[in-house]
Amino acid sequence: MKLGHIAWYAAILVAGTGCGGDEGDDRDEADVAAAEQAVGSTNGFAVVNGLGTSNGLGTSNGLGTSNGLGTSNGLQNGVGLMASAQGRNTVEYIVKCALPAGRTIMKNDETLTSHTFEGLLGVAPEWENDACDADCQERMTACLGAHLNTTGTHVPIFLVANAAEFPTIGPDTSPTYPTQEGAFFGNIFKDPPEFHYCNSAGALTSPVAGRIGSSGQKQYTNPFSGDGTCADNCVAVDGADPSAGWKSCGGFDNVITVYRQ
């Protein structure tokens, strides 16, 4: 079953709030129940140590794209992202986006304590043991962008993407998630990083706090003029309703469209 047929439930936190946590973030019973019905994700994504930096999500954070995440040179033990709880929280989302369900990697923090990170969406499975090239970096950027929330609010979302680039997600929509919020694209691994979104009707008419369309500082930018809508600036996914989602935006060919309830 493609994960695009299932709601992806995530709580995403903003950089610098001090709200981020490690794998043991506090969760209430309703959060856990909702996550189990979706894809089992309940932890927040604290955007520190990388996503908002001027140099991109690179080697200064102990993370390299020339080697696999599971290797010593792909994600380094005890330094950078692995040296803080919020950094490890970022690693958690990197691994959940990159690797498929059932795949895990283990890394040590600065105290040599071992942490296990679980895959889920599988948008960049090659990065487990090999390099993450430009397409891989774009897929990861779209996935991470789709899960940001600057308020730390738990928001259920549904992902849609072009099947050729995202075979584990695909172009199908869900009646449970009728509101198209927008799409995410770019490359946060290069220097300088590009981290972008475009607006759909949900962002313009019914924004959710901490998501696109709402007020407040965001990690990403809308590169388009006017309302910056996806419909005016992007190419639709293959083999689906033309308005279902977007496969190419702003010169990037790896795009994830997000729907909300």
C-alpha atoms as a PDB file:
ATOM      1  CA  MET A   1       0.000   0.000   0.000  1.00  0.00           C
ATOM      2  CA  LYS A   2       1.329   3.434  -0.887  1.00  0.00           C
ATOM      3  CA  LEU A   3       1.744   5.711   2.097  1.00  0.00           C
ATOM      4  CA  GLY A   4       0.011   8.413   0.084  1.00  0.00           C
ATOM      5  CA  HIS A   5      -3.193   6.477   0.667  1.00  0.00           C
ATOM      6  CA  ILE A   6      -2.835   6.996   4.406  1.00  0.00           C
ATOM      7  CA  ALA A   7      -2.790  10.172   6.476  1.00  0.00           C
ATOM      8  CA  TRP A   8       0.676  11.189   7.666  1.00  0.00           C
ATOM      9  CA  TYR A   9       0.262  12.503  11.207  1.00  0.00           C
ATOM     10  CA  ALA A  10       2.997  14.760  12.491  1.00  0.00           C
ATOM     11  CA  ALA A  11       3.681  17.362  15.131  1.00  0.00           C
ATOM     12  CA  ILE A  12       6.236  19.859  13.872  1.00  0.00           C
ATOM     13  CA  LEU A  13       8.055  22.397  16.039  1.00  0.00           C
ATOM     14  CA  VAL A  14       9.935  25.564  15.147  1.00  0.00           C
ATOM     15  CA  ALA A  15      13.615  26.305  15.576  1.00  0.00           C
ATOM     16  CA  GLY A  16      14.612  28.181  18.660  1.00  0.00           C
ATOM     17  CA  THR A  17      11.403  27.690  20.636  1.00  0.00           C
ATOM     18  CA  GLY A  18      12.933  25.309  23.122  1.00  0.00           C
ATOM     19  CA  CYS A  19       9.910  23.070  22.583  1.00  0.00           C
ATOM     20  CA  GLY A  20      11.686  20.339  20.693  1.00  0.00           C
ATOM     21  CA  GLY A  21      12.347  16.965  22.176  1.00  0.00           C
ATOM     22  CA  ASP A  22      14.052  13.663  21.661  1.00  0.00           C
ATOM     23  CA  GLU A  23      12.304  10.402  20.956  1.00  0.00           C
ATOM     24  CA  GLY A  24      10.481  10.648  24.289  1.00  0.00           C
ATOM     25  CA  ASP A  25       8.387  13.806  23.668  1.00  0.00           C
ATOM     26  CA  ASP A  26       5.284  14.098  25.837  1.00  0.00           C
ATOM     27  CA  ARG A  27       2.146  12.925  24.042  1.00  0.00           C
ATOM     28  CA  ASP A  28      -1.458  12.636  25.140  1.00  0.00           C
ATOM     29  CA  GLU A  29      -3.668   9.627  24.454  1.00  0.00           C
ATOM     30  CA  ALA A  30      -5.576  11.350  21.652  1.00  0.00           C
ATOM     31  CA  ASP A  31      -2.317  12.095  19.820  1.00  0.00           C
ATOM     32  CA  VAL A  32      -1.179   8.499  20.093  1.00  0.00           C
ATOM     33  CA  ALA A  33      -4.536   7.152  18.930  1.00  0.00           C
ATOM     34  CA  ALA A  34      -4.568   9.450  15.910  1.00  0.00           C
ATOM     35  CA  ALA A  35      -1.015   8.491  15.051  1.00  0.00           C
ATOM     36  CA  GLU A  36      -1.736   4.779  15.248  1.00  0.00           C
ATOM     37  CA  GLN A  37      -4.636   5.200  12.838  1.00  0.00           C
ATOM     38  CA  ALA A  38      -2.331   7.010  10.454  1.00  0.00           C
ATOM     39  CA  VAL A  39       1.323   6.058  10.177  1.00  0.00           C
ATOM     40  CA  GLY A  40       2.501   6.016  13.780  1.00  0.00           C
ATOM     41  CA  SER A  41       4.252   9.377  13.975  1.00  0.00           C
ATOM     42  CA  THR A  42       3.731  11.591  17.017  1.00  0.00           C
ATOM     43  CA  ASN A  43       7.003  13.392  17.672  1.00  0.00           C
ATOM     44  CA  GLY A  44       7.706  17.006  16.799  1.00  0.00           C
ATOM     45  CA  PHE A  45      10.215  18.336  14.324  1.00  0.00           C
ATOM     46  CA  ALA A  46      12.410  21.002  15.947  1.00  0.00           C
ATOM     47  CA  VAL A  47      14.080  22.898  13.145  1.00  0.00           C
ATOM     48  CA  VAL A  48      17.448  23.625  14.648  1.00  0.00           C
ATOM     49  CA  ASN A  49      21.007  22.945  13.600  1.00  0.00           C
ATOM     50  CA  GLY A  50      20.412  23.194   9.914  1.00  0.00           C
ATOM     51  CA  LEU A  51      17.196  23.819   8.042  1.00  0.00           C
ATOM     52  CA  GLY A  52      17.232  27.574   8.555  1.00  0.00           C
ATOM     53  CA  THR A  53      20.964  28.152   8.195  1.00  0.00           C
ATOM     54  CA  SER A  54      22.587  30.197   5.470  1.00  0.00           C
ATOM     55  CA  ASN A  55      24.819  27.287   4.482  1.00  0.00           C
ATOM     56  CA  GLY A  56      22.175  24.610   4.128  1.00  0.00           C
ATOM     57  CA  LEU A  57      21.751  21.305   5.913  1.00  0.00           C
ATOM     58  CA  GLY A  58      25.334  20.216   5.479  1.00  0.00           C
ATOM     59  CA  THR A  59      28.489  18.845   6.970  1.00  0.00           C
ATOM     60  CA  SER A  60      28.779  21.503   9.692  1.00  0.00           C
ATOM     61  CA  ASN A  61      25.933  19.634  11.361  1.00  0.00           C
ATOM     62  CA  GLY A  62      27.617  16.257  11.103  1.00  0.00           C
ATOM     63  CA  LEU A  63      25.462  15.351   8.112  1.00  0.00           C
ATOM     64  CA  GLY A  64      26.796  14.609   4.640  1.00  0.00           C
ATOM     65  CA  THR A  65      25.048  13.701   1.401  1.00  0.00           C
ATOM     66  CA  SER A  66      28.041  11.989  -0.210  1.00  0.00           C
ATOM     67  CA  ASN A  67      27.647   8.973   2.063  1.00  0.00           C
ATOM     68  CA  GLY A  68      24.720   6.971   3.391  1.00  0.00           C
ATOM     69  CA  LEU A  69      22.941   7.973   6.603  1.00  0.00           C
ATOM     70  CA  GLY A  70      23.898   4.654   8.128  1.00  0.00           C
ATOM     71  CA  THR A  71      27.621   5.194   7.516  1.00  0.00           C
ATOM     72  CA  SER A  72      30.048   6.989   9.807  1.00  0.00           C
ATOM     73  CA  ASN A  73      30.559   9.774   7.272  1.00  0.00           C
ATOM     74  CA  GLY A  74      26.914  10.181   6.306  1.00  0.00           C
ATOM     75  CA  LEU A  75      25.601  10.989   9.784  1.00  0.00           C
ATOM     76  CA  GLN A  76      28.339  11.366  12.348  1.00  0.00           C
ATOM     77  CA  ASN A  77      28.097  10.042  15.891  1.00  0.00           C
ATOM     78  CA  GLY A  78      28.235  12.442  18.809  1.00  0.00           C
ATOM     79  CA  VAL A  79      28.559  15.736  16.929  1.00  0.00           C
ATOM     80  CA  GLY A  80      26.345  18.212  15.104  1.00  0.00           C
ATOM     81  CA  LEU A  81      22.764  16.958  14.917  1.00  0.00           C
ATOM     82  CA  MET A  82      23.529  13.994  17.159  1.00  0.00           C
ATOM     83  CA  ALA A  83      24.899  16.207  19.964  1.00  0.00           C
ATOM     84  CA  SER A  84      21.581  17.735  21.128  1.00  0.00           C
ATOM     85  CA  ALA A  85      18.026  16.597  21.771  1.00  0.00           C
ATOM     86  CA  GLN A  86      16.636  19.004  19.187  1.00  0.00           C
ATOM     87  CA  GLY A  87      19.257  17.957  16.665  1.00  0.00           C
ATOM     88  CA  ARG A  88      18.321  14.323  17.149  1.00  0.00           C
ATOM     89  CA  ASN A  89      14.707  15.345  16.681  1.00  0.00           C
ATOM     90  CA  THR A  90      15.698  16.692  13.265  1.00  0.00           C
ATOM     91  CA  VAL A  91      17.482  13.413  12.533  1.00  0.00           C
ATOM     92  CA  GLU A  92      14.303  11.580  13.464  1.00  0.00           C
ATOM     93  CA  TYR A  93      12.392  13.371  10.714  1.00  0.00           C
ATOM     94  CA  ILE A  94      15.213  13.023   8.226  1.00  0.00           C
ATOM     95  CA  VAL A  95      15.190   9.259   8.700  1.00  0.00           C
ATOM     96  CA  LYS A  96      11.381   9.026   8.708  1.00  0.00           C
ATOM     97  CA  CYS A  97      11.254  10.883   5.411  1.00  0.00           C
ATOM     98  CA  ALA A  98      14.202   9.114   3.784  1.00  0.00           C
ATOM     99  CA  LEU A  99      13.814   5.454   4.681  1.00  0.00           C
ATOM    100  CA  PRO A 100      10.846   3.110   4.228  1.00  0.00           C
ATOM    101  CA  ALA A 101       8.969   1.522   7.098  1.00  0.00           C
ATOM    102  CA  GLY A 102      10.902  -1.326   8.667  1.00  0.00           C
ATOM    103  CA  ARG A 103      14.312   0.260   8.115  1.00  0.00           C
ATOM    104  CA  THR A 104      16.232   1.774  11.015  1.00  0.00           C
ATOM    105  CA  ILE A 105      19.597   3.314  11.699  1.00  0.00           C
ATOM    106  CA  MET A 106      21.413   3.565  15.029  1.00  0.00           C
ATOM    107  CA  LYS A 107      23.659   6.447  16.026  1.00  0.00           C
ATOM    108  CA  ASN A 108      25.366   7.559  19.241  1.00  0.00           C
ATOM    109  CA  ASP A 109      24.971  10.935  20.901  1.00  0.00           C
ATOM    110  CA  GLU A 110      27.723  12.939  22.607  1.00  0.00           C
ATOM    111  CA  THR A 111      27.544  10.664  25.685  1.00  0.00           C
ATOM    112  CA  LEU A 112      27.871   7.520  23.535  1.00  0.00           C
ATOM    113  CA  THR A 113      24.231   6.659  24.217  1.00  0.00           C
ATOM    114  CA  SER A 114      22.721   4.829  21.266  1.00  0.00           C
ATOM    115  CA  HIS A 115      19.578   6.106  19.530  1.00  0.00           C
ATOM    116  CA  THR A 116      17.474   4.228  16.982  1.00  0.00           C
ATOM    117  CA  PHE A 117      15.717   6.150  14.215  1.00  0.00           C
ATOM    118  CA  GLU A 118      12.932   4.539  12.202  1.00  0.00           C
ATOM    119  CA  GLY A 119      12.088   4.982   8.549  1.00  0.00           C
ATOM    120  CA  LEU A 120       8.555   5.521   7.330  1.00  0.00           C
ATOM    121  CA  LEU A 121       7.867   7.396   4.064  1.00  0.00           C
ATOM    122  CA  GLY A 122      10.801   6.113   2.013  1.00  0.00           C
ATOM    123  CA  VAL A 123      11.230   9.144  -0.254  1.00  0.00           C
ATOM    124  CA  ALA A 124      15.022   8.659  -0.426  1.00  0.00           C
ATOM    125  CA  PRO A 125      15.771   4.988   0.348  1.00  0.00           C
ATOM    126  CA  GLU A 126      19.116   5.140  -1.461  1.00  0.00           C
ATOM    127  CA  TRP A 127      20.448   7.480   1.213  1.00  0.00           C
ATOM    128  CA  GLU A 128      20.553   4.684   3.765  1.00  0.00           C
ATOM    129  CA  ASN A 129      23.829   3.341   2.371  1.00  0.00           C
ATOM    130  CA  ASP A 130      24.728   5.522  -0.617  1.00  0.00           C
ATOM    131  CA  ALA A 131      24.977   9.159  -1.623  1.00  0.00           C
ATOM    132  CA  CYS A 132      21.969  11.481  -1.783  1.00  0.00           C
ATOM    133  CA  ASP A 133      22.178  13.210  -5.170  1.00  0.00           C
ATOM    134  CA  ALA A 134      20.349  16.369  -6.284  1.00  0.00           C
ATOM    135  CA  ASP A 135      17.028  14.580  -6.906  1.00  0.00           C
ATOM    136  CA  CYS A 136      17.295  12.851  -3.544  1.00  0.00           C
ATOM    137  CA  GLN A 137      18.004  16.185  -1.863  1.00  0.00           C
ATOM    138  CA  GLU A 138      14.962  17.746  -3.513  1.00  0.00           C
ATOM    139  CA  ARG A 139      12.714  14.867  -2.409  1.00  0.00           C
ATOM    140  CA  MET A 140      13.985  15.219   1.142  1.00  0.00           C
ATOM    141  CA  THR A 141      13.458  18.986   1.090  1.00  0.00           C
ATOM    142  CA  ALA A 142       9.849  18.592  -0.034  1.00  0.00           C
ATOM    143  CA  CYS A 143       9.157  15.993   2.647  1.00  0.00           C
ATOM    144  CA  LEU A 144      10.711  17.980   5.479  1.00  0.00           C
ATOM    145  CA  GLY A 145       9.000  21.173   4.356  1.00  0.00           C
ATOM    146  CA  ALA A 146       5.629  19.457   4.322  1.00  0.00           C
ATOM    147  CA  HIS A 147       5.991  18.654   8.023  1.00  0.00           C
ATOM    148  CA  LEU A 148       6.957  22.006   9.485  1.00  0.00           C
ATOM    149  CA  ASN A 149       4.717  23.851  11.929  1.00  0.00           C
ATOM    150  CA  THR A 150       6.086  26.947  13.622  1.00  0.00           C
ATOM    151  CA  THR A 151       3.697  26.726  16.583  1.00  0.00           C
ATOM    152  CA  GLY A 152       4.263  23.102  17.568  1.00  0.00           C
ATOM    153  CA  THR A 153       0.606  22.318  16.888  1.00  0.00           C
ATOM    154  CA  HIS A 154      -0.312  18.751  15.948  1.00  0.00           C
ATOM    155  CA  VAL A 155      -1.681  18.838  12.406  1.00  0.00           C
ATOM    156  CA  PRO A 156      -2.897  15.752  10.495  1.00  0.00           C
ATOM    157  CA  ILE A 157      -1.889  16.034   6.845  1.00  0.00           C
ATOM    158  CA  PHE A 158      -2.183  13.923   3.699  1.00  0.00           C
ATOM    159  CA  LEU A 159       0.581  13.840   1.091  1.00  0.00           C
ATOM    160  CA  VAL A 160       0.196  13.779  -2.693  1.00  0.00           C
ATOM    161  CA  ALA A 161       3.076  13.579  -5.181  1.00  0.00           C
ATOM    162  CA  ASN A 162       4.009  12.460  -8.668  1.00  0.00           C
ATOM    163  CA  ALA A 163       4.403   8.680  -8.629  1.00  0.00           C
ATOM    164  CA  ALA A 164       7.499   8.725 -10.845  1.00  0.00           C
ATOM    165  CA  GLU A 165       9.461  10.666  -8.226  1.00  0.00           C
ATOM    166  CA  PHE A 166       7.589   9.522  -5.101  1.00  0.00           C
ATOM    167  CA  PRO A 167       6.366   5.943  -5.696  1.00  0.00           C
ATOM    168  CA  THR A 168       5.593   5.416  -1.989  1.00  0.00           C
ATOM    169  CA  ILE A 169       3.242   8.419  -1.968  1.00  0.00           C
ATOM    170  CA  GLY A 170       1.563   8.728  -5.358  1.00  0.00           C
ATOM    171  CA  PRO A 171      -1.136  11.068  -6.748  1.00  0.00           C
ATOM    172  CA  ASP A 172      -4.267   9.762  -5.046  1.00  0.00           C
ATOM    173  CA  THR A 173      -6.260  12.055  -2.761  1.00  0.00           C
ATOM    174  CA  SER A 174      -8.519  11.264   0.204  1.00  0.00           C
ATOM    175  CA  PRO A 175     -12.058  12.509   0.947  1.00  0.00           C
ATOM    176  CA  THR A 176     -11.049  12.683   4.599  1.00  0.00           C
ATOM    177  CA  TYR A 177      -8.533  15.397   3.695  1.00  0.00           C
ATOM    178  CA  PRO A 178     -10.417  17.742   1.328  1.00  0.00           C
ATOM    179  CA  THR A 179      -8.421  20.952   1.739  1.00  0.00           C
ATOM    180  CA  GLN A 180      -5.354  21.421  -0.415  1.00  0.00           C
ATOM    181  CA  GLU A 181      -3.013  23.634   1.584  1.00  0.00           C
ATOM    182  CA  GLY A 182      -0.072  24.014  -0.789  1.00  0.00           C
ATOM    183  CA  ALA A 183       3.100  22.380  -2.041  1.00  0.00           C
ATOM    184  CA  PHE A 184       6.754  22.255  -0.953  1.00  0.00           C
ATOM    185  CA  PHE A 185       9.942  22.129  -3.002  1.00  0.00           C
ATOM    186  CA  GLY A 186      13.559  23.270  -3.188  1.00  0.00           C
ATOM    187  CA  ASN A 187      16.942  22.032  -1.987  1.00  0.00           C
ATOM    188  CA  ILE A 188      18.004  22.792   1.582  1.00  0.00           C
ATOM    189  CA  PHE A 189      21.226  20.805   1.257  1.00  0.00           C
ATOM    190  CA  LYS A 190      23.006  23.160  -1.097  1.00  0.00           C
ATOM    191  CA  ASP A 191      24.734  26.440  -0.269  1.00  0.00           C
ATOM    192  CA  PRO A 192      22.806  28.710  -0.194  1.00  0.00           C
ATOM    193  CA  PRO A 193      19.731  26.572   0.463  1.00  0.00           C
ATOM    194  CA  GLU A 194      16.436  26.964  -1.367  1.00  0.00           C
ATOM    195  CA  PHE A 195      13.381  26.155   0.734  1.00  0.00           C
ATOM    196  CA  HIS A 196      10.079  27.030  -0.939  1.00  0.00           C
ATOM    197  CA  TYR A 197       6.321  26.598  -0.925  1.00  0.00           C
ATOM    198  CA  CYS A 198       3.336  27.754  -2.980  1.00  0.00           C
ATOM    199  CA  ASN A 199      -0.214  28.451  -1.858  1.00  0.00           C
ATOM    200  CA  SER A 200      -3.380  26.524  -2.591  1.00  0.00           C
ATOM    201  CA  ALA A 201      -6.917  27.472  -1.566  1.00  0.00           C
ATOM    202  CA  GLY A 202      -6.523  26.138   1.959  1.00  0.00           C
ATOM    203  CA  ALA A 203      -3.569  28.385   2.713  1.00  0.00           C
ATOM    204  CA  LEU A 204      -5.343  31.476   1.421  1.00  0.00           C
ATOM    205  CA  THR A 205      -8.823  30.988   2.878  1.00  0.00           C
ATOM    206  CA  SER A 206      -8.421  28.742   5.936  1.00  0.00           C
ATOM    207  CA  PRO A 207      -4.833  28.916   7.166  1.00  0.00           C
ATOM    208  CA  VAL A 208      -3.727  26.887  10.167  1.00  0.00           C
ATOM    209  CA  ALA A 209      -1.488  28.514  12.766  1.00  0.00           C
ATOM    210  CA  GLY A 210       2.129  27.679  12.100  1.00  0.00           C
ATOM    211  CA  ARG A 211       1.461  26.519   8.560  1.00  0.00           C
ATOM    212  CA  ILE A 212       1.678  28.370   5.249  1.00  0.00           C
ATOM    213  CA  GLY A 213      -0.852  31.164   4.892  1.00  0.00           C
ATOM    214  CA  SER A 214      -0.634  32.055   8.579  1.00  0.00           C
ATOM    215  CA  SER A 215       1.244  34.984  10.042  1.00  0.00           C
ATOM    216  CA  GLY A 216       4.644  34.704  11.693  1.00  0.00           C
ATOM    217  CA  GLN A 217       8.159  33.796  10.650  1.00  0.00           C
ATOM    218  CA  LYS A 218       8.628  30.732   8.486  1.00  0.00           C
ATOM    219  CA  GLN A 219      11.630  28.667   7.499  1.00  0.00           C
ATOM    220  CA  TYR A 220      10.624  28.638   3.824  1.00  0.00           C
ATOM    221  CA  THR A 221       9.609  31.278   1.281  1.00  0.00           C
ATOM    222  CA  ASN A 222       7.129  31.603  -1.557  1.00  0.00           C
ATOM    223  CA  PRO A 223       9.191  32.510  -4.642  1.00  0.00           C
ATOM    224  CA  PHE A 224       6.198  33.484  -6.768  1.00  0.00           C
ATOM    225  CA  SER A 225       4.556  36.899  -7.169  1.00  0.00           C
ATOM    226  CA  GLY A 226       0.972  37.867  -6.373  1.00  0.00           C
ATOM    227  CA  ASP A 227      -0.884  35.244  -4.351  1.00  0.00           C
ATOM    228  CA  GLY A 228       1.915  32.800  -5.129  1.00  0.00           C
ATOM    229  CA  THR A 229      -0.503  30.033  -5.974  1.00  0.00           C
ATOM    230  CA  CYS A 230       0.561  26.572  -7.068  1.00  0.00           C
ATOM    231  CA  ALA A 231      -2.115  26.545  -9.773  1.00  0.00           C
ATOM    232  CA  ASP A 232      -0.585  29.577 -11.476  1.00  0.00           C
ATOM    233  CA  ASN A 233       3.028  28.468 -11.215  1.00  0.00           C
ATOM    234  CA  CYS A 234       3.292  24.660 -11.126  1.00  0.00           C
ATOM    235  CA  VAL A 235       2.743  21.656 -13.413  1.00  0.00           C
ATOM    236  CA  ALA A 236       0.144  19.093 -12.307  1.00  0.00           C
ATOM    237  CA  VAL A 237       1.013  15.521 -11.321  1.00  0.00           C
ATOM    238  CA  ASP A 238       0.733  12.795 -13.943  1.00  0.00           C
ATOM    239  CA  GLY A 239      -2.323  10.569 -14.260  1.00  0.00           C
ATOM    240  CA  ALA A 240      -4.606  12.379 -11.852  1.00  0.00           C
ATOM    241  CA  ASP A 241      -7.091  15.205 -11.612  1.00  0.00           C
ATOM    242  CA  PRO A 242      -5.191  18.294 -12.819  1.00  0.00           C
ATOM    243  CA  SER A 243      -5.775  20.000  -9.500  1.00  0.00           C
ATOM    244  CA  ALA A 244      -4.874  17.007  -7.317  1.00  0.00           C
ATOM    245  CA  GLY A 245      -1.254  17.945  -6.821  1.00  0.00           C
ATOM    246  CA  TRP A 246       1.881  19.333  -8.400  1.00  0.00           C
ATOM    247  CA  LYS A 247       4.960  17.656  -9.833  1.00  0.00           C
ATOM    248  CA  SER A 248       7.078  20.653 -10.853  1.00  0.00           C
ATOM    249  CA  CYS A 249       7.336  24.130  -9.329  1.00  0.00           C
ATOM    250  CA  GLY A 250       9.887  26.891  -9.786  1.00  0.00           C
ATOM    251  CA  GLY A 251      12.308  24.684 -11.688  1.00  0.00           C
ATOM    252  CA  PHE A 252      12.180  21.865  -9.124  1.00  0.00           C
ATOM    253  CA  ASP A 253      10.836  18.481 -10.246  1.00  0.00           C
ATOM    254  CA  ASN A 254      10.368  16.883  -6.817  1.00  0.00           C
ATOM    255  CA  VAL A 255       7.311  18.416  -5.175  1.00  0.00           C
ATOM    256  CA  ILE A 256       4.988  17.269  -2.392  1.00  0.00           C
ATOM    257  CA  THR A 257       1.449  18.644  -2.128  1.00  0.00           C
ATOM    258  CA  VAL A 258      -0.226  18.716   1.274  1.00  0.00           C
ATOM    259  CA  TYR A 259      -3.903  18.294   2.107  1.00  0.00           C
ATOM    260  CA  ARG A 260      -5.528  18.999   5.461  1.00  0.00           C
ATOM    261  CA  GLN A 261      -8.823  18.036   7.066  1.00  0.00           C
END
